[in-house]
Amino acid sequence: MKRKKKERHRENTFQSNVSSEDVVKNKIFKNYIIEMEEKTKEFAIKNPNLMDKKFHLFQTIQNKNSLRDMIFNLAYFYDTNYTGNKDFIHIPNINDILNNIKKYPIMLCTQKDKDGMDDILGVSTVKFENNDSISNNPYFPTVNETILTITGILTKLNSVDKNNNKIRGIGKELFKSSIRAAYRINKENKVRLICEIDCRNVQSFSAVTKAVKELQEENIGVSISVDGYYEILDASGNLTEAPTFILEIELNGKDCNMFNEPKVFNYLNCKRTELFSDLNNVIENNTKELKEYVNVKGDKIVIYHELEKFNALNVTLNIGNTAEGNERVPSIRSLQYENAPKDLM
C-alpha cells in the first residue's frame, strides 16, 4: 500500500514580507479604531444630550471628497482655535497634517452642524517611533523601544450643542482614549506612552492627570509620572523657550503613587527679562537629576534631563503671569496643498 505523502503547509508569503514595525503599526491603528468606536458609545451613555457626538480616526473617512474637505477643515480648526501661548502647541500646516495622516492615528471628535457637515470639536495625534540611536529624538532619548507620544490635543473654542449648551471635557476624553488604547496595545507589544507639556501649561497638565485619575477609578492599571524635561538653546547657549516636561503614563499596572511627596513649581518670582532661565532654575531646585543628554538639532542644542521620577498627580504649578505676552494670533492663511500625496487627493 502506497503511503500518502504528508501535506506540506504553504508558507504565508504575505506574513513573511511584513516587517515587525508594520505589525506594530497595524496593531496601533487597529486598537485606536476600536477605542474610538467604544468611546462614541460610552460618551453617548454618559451624555444622553450629546448623542450626536462621534469619536473616530481621521483615517476611517472613506469618501475622498469628504477626506479632502476634512483636511482643510482640520488645518483651519488648528489655525483658528488656538490663541494661547505660542510655545504650548505646534500648529500643523497642510503638509504636516498630510504627513501625519500617512503615519499616525489622528483622533477626532465631531458633531453634525446645521448643514449636516462634520464640525470638529477636538483632535489629537498619537505619534510613535522606535529609534536605533540615542540621538534620533533628542527631546526624549531612547533606543529600541516603541514610544507613543500624545500630541496636538486641541478643542474647539466656545463649542456648544444643538441646545446652545457649552460642551466640556472633550480634551480629557481624548487623553483618556489615547491612554486606554495604548494600555491595550501594551498587553501584546511592549510600548511606552508619553506626552510633552510646557512647564507652565496648567490646562494640559490638569487634563492628562484628570484622565489618569478617572481611568484609575475605572480599575485600569495606569499611573503618571514626570520623568524629565528638556531645554532648547541657541548657539550662544541662551534658552529659546521655556523648559518642557516629559510625562510618562505607566501602562504596566505599576503604581508610581509611591512617590507621594507633593511637588510645587512656583514661578511667581520669575523675572520677565530672564524668564526662561528663571523657570529652569525653579525646576532644577525642585527635582533630582539622574542623567543629562546633550544633542544638536539643526542650529539648536537640546538638553534632556532625566529625573528621579515623581507622581504627576501630586504636582502644583503656580504660573502667575509667566505664560502671558506670547499669545498666538490666527493667521487665517490661504490653505493650499503643496506636494500632497496623490492617494490623498
Protein backbone atom coordinates (compact mmCIF):
# COMPACT_ATOMS: atom_id res chain seq x y z
CA MET A 1 0.00 0.00 0.00
CA LYS A 2 1.37 3.32 -1.06
CA ARG A 3 1.98 5.66 1.83
CA LYS A 4 0.35 9.07 1.46
CA LYS A 5 2.67 11.97 1.36
CA LYS A 6 2.26 14.33 4.24
CA GLU A 7 0.68 17.53 3.06
CA ARG A 8 3.02 20.46 3.48
CA HIS A 9 1.60 23.74 4.65
CA ARG A 10 2.23 26.56 2.27
CA GLU A 11 4.25 29.42 3.63
CA ASN A 12 2.34 32.57 4.26
CA THR A 13 4.30 34.80 1.93
CA PHE A 14 2.29 37.85 2.98
CA GLN A 15 3.21 37.46 6.63
CA SER A 16 6.86 36.78 5.84
CA ASN A 17 7.09 40.04 3.93
CA VAL A 18 5.56 42.12 6.69
CA SER A 19 8.12 43.78 8.93
CA SER A 20 7.78 43.77 12.70
CA GLU A 21 7.44 47.56 12.54
CA ASP A 22 4.44 47.20 10.22
CA VAL A 23 2.87 44.62 12.52
CA VAL A 24 3.14 47.02 15.47
CA LYS A 25 1.85 49.92 13.35
CA ASN A 26 -1.18 47.89 12.25
CA LYS A 27 -1.93 46.92 15.85
CA ILE A 28 -1.67 50.55 16.95
CA PHE A 29 -4.12 51.71 14.28
CA LYS A 30 -6.49 48.80 14.94
CA ASN A 31 -6.61 49.50 18.67
CA TYR A 32 -7.25 53.21 18.16
CA ILE A 33 -10.08 52.48 15.71
CA ILE A 34 -11.68 50.17 18.28
CA GLU A 35 -11.14 52.73 21.05
CA MET A 36 -12.89 55.46 19.05
CA GLU A 37 -15.90 53.22 18.42
CA GLU A 38 -16.13 52.37 22.12
CA LYS A 39 -15.62 56.00 23.14
CA THR A 40 -18.55 57.09 20.97
CA LYS A 41 -20.86 54.55 22.67
CA GLU A 42 -19.54 55.36 26.15
CA PHE A 43 -19.86 59.12 25.64
CA ALA A 44 -23.45 58.77 24.41
CA ILE A 45 -24.42 56.77 27.51
CA LYS A 46 -22.77 59.24 29.90
CA ASN A 47 -24.01 62.29 27.98
CA PRO A 48 -27.50 61.49 26.59
CA ASN A 49 -27.93 65.12 25.49
CA LEU A 50 -24.80 64.83 23.34
CA MET A 51 -25.60 61.62 21.46
CA ASP A 52 -24.74 63.18 18.10
CA LYS A 53 -21.06 63.37 19.05
CA LYS A 54 -18.80 60.91 17.26
CA PHE A 55 -15.24 59.88 18.06
CA HIS A 56 -13.33 58.39 15.14
CA LEU A 57 -9.96 58.23 13.44
CA PHE A 58 -9.32 60.62 10.58
CA GLN A 59 -8.07 57.61 8.60
CA THR A 60 -11.51 55.94 8.69
CA ILE A 61 -13.04 58.63 6.45
CA GLN A 62 -13.89 56.71 3.26
CA ASN A 63 -15.17 59.33 0.83
CA LYS A 64 -12.26 61.10 -0.91
CA ASN A 65 -14.20 64.35 -1.24
CA SER A 66 -15.04 64.27 2.47
CA LEU A 67 -11.41 63.45 3.24
CA ARG A 68 -10.18 66.41 1.25
CA ASP A 69 -12.69 68.74 2.93
CA MET A 70 -11.71 67.48 6.39
CA ILE A 71 -8.01 68.07 5.70
CA PHE A 72 -8.79 71.72 5.01
CA ASN A 73 -11.21 71.83 7.95
CA LEU A 74 -8.57 70.45 10.30
CA ALA A 75 -5.94 72.96 9.16
CA TYR A 76 -8.49 75.75 9.64
CA PHE A 77 -9.51 74.29 13.03
CA TYR A 78 -5.94 74.36 14.34
CA ASP A 79 -5.35 77.86 12.96
CA THR A 80 -8.47 79.47 14.44
CA ASN A 81 -8.98 77.61 17.73
CA TYR A 82 -5.71 78.23 19.49
CA THR A 83 -4.86 81.73 20.67
CA GLY A 84 -2.89 80.88 23.81
CA ASN A 85 0.85 80.90 24.38
CA LYS A 86 2.63 80.05 21.11
CA ASP A 87 5.04 77.72 22.90
CA PHE A 88 2.29 75.44 24.22
CA ILE A 89 1.32 73.74 20.95
CA HIS A 90 2.71 73.32 17.46
CA ILE A 91 0.10 74.38 14.90
CA PRO A 92 0.37 71.98 11.92
CA ASN A 93 0.05 73.24 8.37
CA ILE A 94 -1.50 71.31 5.48
CA ASN A 95 1.70 69.37 4.77
CA ASP A 96 2.12 68.43 8.45
CA ILE A 97 -1.45 67.12 8.50
CA LEU A 98 -0.95 65.14 5.29
CA ASN A 99 2.23 63.56 6.64
CA ASN A 100 0.54 62.70 9.94
CA ILE A 101 -2.41 61.09 8.14
CA LYS A 102 0.03 58.77 6.37
CA LYS A 103 1.86 57.79 9.55
CA TYR A 104 -0.13 58.19 12.77
CA PRO A 105 -3.63 57.78 14.27
CA ILE A 106 -5.42 61.14 14.30
CA MET A 107 -8.34 61.09 16.73
CA LEU A 108 -11.31 63.34 16.07
CA CYS A 109 -14.44 64.27 17.97
CA THR A 110 -17.11 65.71 15.67
CA GLN A 111 -20.75 66.65 15.59
CA LYS A 112 -23.04 67.45 12.68
CA ASP A 113 -23.62 71.14 12.02
CA LYS A 114 -26.87 72.62 10.66
CA ASP A 115 -25.80 71.75 7.11
CA GLY A 116 -25.07 68.13 8.00
CA MET A 117 -21.30 68.60 7.80
CA ASP A 118 -18.82 67.31 10.39
CA ASP A 119 -17.93 70.10 12.81
CA ILE A 120 -14.64 69.34 14.60
CA LEU A 121 -14.87 69.61 18.40
CA GLY A 122 -11.49 68.13 19.29
CA VAL A 123 -8.42 66.49 17.82
CA SER A 124 -5.26 64.69 18.89
CA THR A 125 -2.49 62.79 17.11
CA VAL A 126 -0.67 59.82 18.64
CA LYS A 127 2.79 59.61 17.12
CA PHE A 128 5.08 56.60 17.51
CA GLU A 129 8.73 55.80 16.95
CA ASN A 130 11.38 53.17 17.60
CA ASN A 131 14.87 54.64 17.47
CA ASP A 132 18.17 52.90 16.78
CA SER A 133 20.24 55.75 18.21
CA ILE A 134 20.01 57.74 21.41
CA SER A 135 20.29 60.93 19.37
CA ASN A 136 17.41 60.24 16.95
CA ASN A 137 14.95 62.01 19.23
CA PRO A 138 16.88 64.46 21.42
CA TYR A 139 13.70 65.52 23.24
CA PHE A 140 13.21 62.03 24.74
CA PRO A 141 16.30 59.90 24.06
CA THR A 142 15.55 56.16 23.83
CA VAL A 143 16.88 53.16 21.91
CA ASN A 144 14.98 50.09 20.63
CA GLU A 145 11.75 50.95 22.44
CA THR A 146 8.40 51.73 20.85
CA ILE A 147 7.41 55.16 22.13
CA LEU A 148 3.91 56.55 21.67
CA THR A 149 3.51 60.30 22.13
CA ILE A 150 0.21 62.13 22.63
CA THR A 151 0.47 65.37 20.65
CA GLY A 152 -1.60 68.24 19.34
CA ILE A 153 -4.62 67.92 21.64
CA LEU A 154 -6.88 70.87 20.89
CA THR A 155 -10.57 71.50 21.45
CA LYS A 156 -12.92 73.96 19.82
CA LEU A 157 -13.27 77.39 21.43
CA ASN A 158 -16.74 78.00 22.88
CA SER A 159 -18.23 74.80 21.43
CA VAL A 160 -21.95 74.33 22.10
CA ASP A 161 -24.50 71.58 21.43
CA LYS A 162 -27.74 71.93 19.47
CA ASN A 163 -29.41 73.42 22.57
CA ASN A 164 -26.65 76.03 22.88
CA ASN A 165 -25.18 74.41 25.99
CA LYS A 166 -21.39 74.57 26.36
CA ILE A 167 -19.61 71.28 25.63
CA ARG A 168 -16.90 70.47 28.15
CA GLY A 169 -14.31 67.76 28.71
CA ILE A 170 -13.52 66.75 25.12
CA GLY A 171 -9.77 67.21 25.68
CA LYS A 172 -9.84 64.99 28.76
CA GLU A 173 -11.75 62.31 26.82
CA LEU A 174 -9.15 62.38 24.05
CA PHE A 175 -6.42 61.94 26.65
CA LYS A 176 -8.34 59.01 28.17
CA SER A 177 -8.71 57.33 24.78
CA SER A 178 -5.05 57.90 23.95
CA ILE A 179 -4.10 56.16 27.19
CA ARG A 180 -6.67 53.36 27.13
CA ALA A 181 -5.76 52.25 23.60
CA ALA A 182 -2.05 52.29 24.46
CA TYR A 183 -2.81 50.24 27.59
CA ARG A 184 -4.37 47.55 25.39
CA ILE A 185 -1.56 47.64 22.84
CA ASN A 186 0.98 47.20 25.63
CA LYS A 187 -0.57 43.87 26.63
CA GLU A 188 0.68 42.34 23.35
CA ASN A 189 3.53 44.63 22.33
CA LYS A 190 5.62 46.48 24.87
CA VAL A 191 5.22 50.23 24.37
CA ARG A 192 5.79 53.38 26.39
CA LEU A 193 3.40 56.32 26.35
CA ILE A 194 4.44 59.92 26.95
CA CYS A 195 3.26 63.46 26.42
CA GLU A 196 5.22 66.71 26.32
CA ILE A 197 3.84 69.67 28.28
CA ASP A 198 5.32 73.14 28.64
CA CYS A 199 6.27 73.63 32.30
CA ARG A 200 3.61 76.41 32.59
CA ASN A 201 0.76 74.69 30.73
CA VAL A 202 -1.64 74.16 33.62
CA GLN A 203 -4.60 73.31 31.38
CA SER A 204 -2.94 70.38 29.59
CA PHE A 205 -1.26 69.16 32.79
CA SER A 206 -4.66 69.15 34.51
CA ALA A 207 -6.41 67.41 31.60
CA VAL A 208 -3.99 64.49 31.39
CA THR A 209 -3.84 63.96 35.17
CA LYS A 210 -7.66 64.05 35.40
CA ALA A 211 -7.80 61.47 32.61
CA VAL A 212 -5.43 59.18 34.54
CA LYS A 213 -7.42 59.60 37.77
CA GLU A 214 -10.66 58.64 36.00
CA LEU A 215 -9.04 55.59 34.40
CA GLN A 216 -7.75 54.52 37.82
CA GLU A 217 -11.30 54.83 39.16
CA GLU A 218 -12.36 52.53 36.29
CA ASN A 219 -9.80 49.96 37.55
CA ILE A 220 -7.44 50.43 34.64
CA GLY A 221 -3.89 49.98 35.92
CA VAL A 222 -2.21 53.19 34.85
CA SER A 223 -0.29 55.90 36.66
CA ILE A 224 1.55 59.03 35.57
CA SER A 225 4.90 60.50 36.47
CA VAL A 226 7.17 63.33 35.42
CA ASP A 227 10.24 61.57 34.03
CA GLY A 228 12.27 64.55 32.87
CA TYR A 229 12.34 67.80 30.96
CA TYR A 230 14.17 69.31 28.04
CA GLU A 231 15.65 72.69 27.23
CA ILE A 232 16.37 74.17 23.80
CA LEU A 233 19.31 76.57 23.48
CA ASP A 234 20.73 78.61 20.62
CA ALA A 235 24.40 78.51 19.55
CA SER A 236 25.22 81.11 22.21
CA GLY A 237 23.79 78.95 24.98
CA ASN A 238 20.65 81.04 25.54
CA LEU A 239 17.33 79.32 26.15
CA THR A 240 14.96 79.83 23.21
CA GLU A 241 11.80 78.68 25.01
CA ALA A 242 10.54 77.53 28.38
CA PRO A 243 11.54 74.06 29.64
CA THR A 244 9.15 71.27 28.64
CA PHE A 245 8.16 68.42 30.95
CA ILE A 246 8.05 64.82 29.72
CA LEU A 247 5.21 62.96 31.43
CA GLU A 248 5.06 59.18 31.12
CA ILE A 249 1.88 57.18 31.59
CA GLU A 250 2.86 53.85 33.14
CA LEU A 251 0.92 51.09 31.33
CA ASN A 252 2.11 48.00 33.21
CA GLY A 253 -0.05 48.34 36.28
CA LYS A 254 2.86 49.63 38.33
CA ASP A 255 1.88 52.36 40.71
CA CYS A 256 4.08 55.44 40.81
CA ASN A 257 1.85 56.73 43.61
CA MET A 258 4.61 55.59 45.94
CA PHE A 259 6.29 58.86 45.02
CA ASN A 260 3.76 60.78 47.03
CA GLU A 261 5.80 63.78 48.06
CA PRO A 262 3.98 66.89 46.77
CA LYS A 263 5.86 68.93 44.19
CA VAL A 264 5.19 72.64 43.87
CA PHE A 265 6.70 74.59 40.99
CA ASN A 266 6.32 78.22 41.97
CA TYR A 267 7.10 80.56 39.09
CA LEU A 268 5.64 83.69 40.70
CA ASN A 269 9.02 85.33 41.24
CA CYS A 270 10.36 84.69 37.75
CA LYS A 271 11.52 87.88 36.09
CA ARG A 272 10.21 88.76 32.64
CA THR A 273 13.70 89.72 31.46
CA GLU A 274 15.16 86.34 32.46
CA LEU A 275 12.01 84.27 32.24
CA PHE A 276 13.27 81.04 30.64
CA SER A 277 16.35 80.74 32.83
CA ASP A 278 14.34 81.55 35.96
CA LEU A 279 11.77 78.87 35.05
CA ASN A 280 14.62 76.43 34.57
CA ASN A 281 16.08 77.31 37.99
CA VAL A 282 12.75 76.60 39.68
CA ILE A 283 12.68 73.13 38.10
CA GLU A 284 16.33 72.44 38.97
CA ASN A 285 15.74 73.39 42.61
CA ASN A 286 12.74 71.08 42.96
CA THR A 287 13.95 67.94 41.19
CA LYS A 288 16.79 65.42 41.30
CA GLU A 289 18.66 64.84 38.04
CA LEU A 290 19.83 61.32 37.18
CA LYS A 291 21.37 61.87 33.76
CA GLU A 292 21.81 64.57 31.13
CA TYR A 293 21.70 64.05 27.36
CA VAL A 294 23.06 66.75 25.05
CA ASN A 295 22.29 66.66 21.31
CA VAL A 296 22.44 69.08 18.40
CA LYS A 297 19.26 69.55 16.35
CA GLY A 298 19.84 71.83 13.37
CA ASP A 299 21.17 75.10 14.76
CA LYS A 300 19.86 74.36 18.27
CA ILE A 301 21.22 72.44 21.25
CA VAL A 302 18.72 70.17 23.01
CA ILE A 303 19.41 69.09 26.59
CA TYR A 304 17.25 66.34 28.05
CA HIS A 305 17.35 65.98 31.83
CA GLU A 306 16.35 62.55 33.07
CA LEU A 307 14.94 62.98 36.57
CA GLU A 308 14.20 60.84 39.55
CA LYS A 309 10.57 60.42 38.57
CA PHE A 310 7.75 61.81 40.69
CA ASN A 311 3.99 61.42 40.74
CA ALA A 312 2.36 63.93 38.37
CA LEU A 313 -0.89 63.67 40.33
CA ASN A 314 0.82 65.48 43.22
CA VAL A 315 2.21 68.39 41.20
CA THR A 316 1.10 72.01 41.60
CA LEU A 317 2.02 74.66 39.04
CA ASN A 318 1.86 78.26 40.25
CA ILE A 319 2.42 80.08 36.96
CA GLY A 320 1.25 83.62 37.75
CA ASN A 321 1.57 85.67 34.55
CA THR A 322 4.59 83.79 33.17
CA ALA A 323 2.59 82.41 30.22
CA GLU A 324 1.23 85.79 29.16
CA GLY A 325 2.54 88.08 26.45
CA ASN A 326 3.27 85.38 23.87
CA GLU A 327 -0.23 84.81 22.54
CA ARG A 328 -0.75 83.34 19.11
CA VAL A 329 -2.77 85.29 16.52
CA PRO A 330 -4.64 83.13 13.95
CA SER A 331 -3.18 83.67 10.51
CA ILE A 332 -6.27 82.59 8.54
CA ARG A 333 -3.68 81.71 5.91
CA SER A 334 -4.51 80.67 2.38
CA LEU A 335 -4.90 76.93 2.58
CA GLN A 336 -3.42 75.01 -0.31
CA TYR A 337 -1.74 71.70 -1.00
CA GLU A 338 1.97 71.59 -1.60
CA ASN A 339 3.46 68.26 -2.62
CA ALA A 340 0.38 66.43 -1.40
CA PRO A 341 0.47 62.61 -1.68
CA LYS A 342 -1.61 61.64 -4.72
CA ASP A 343 -3.52 58.92 -2.93
CA LEU A 344 -4.99 61.54 -0.60
CA MET A 345 -6.15 63.85 -3.37
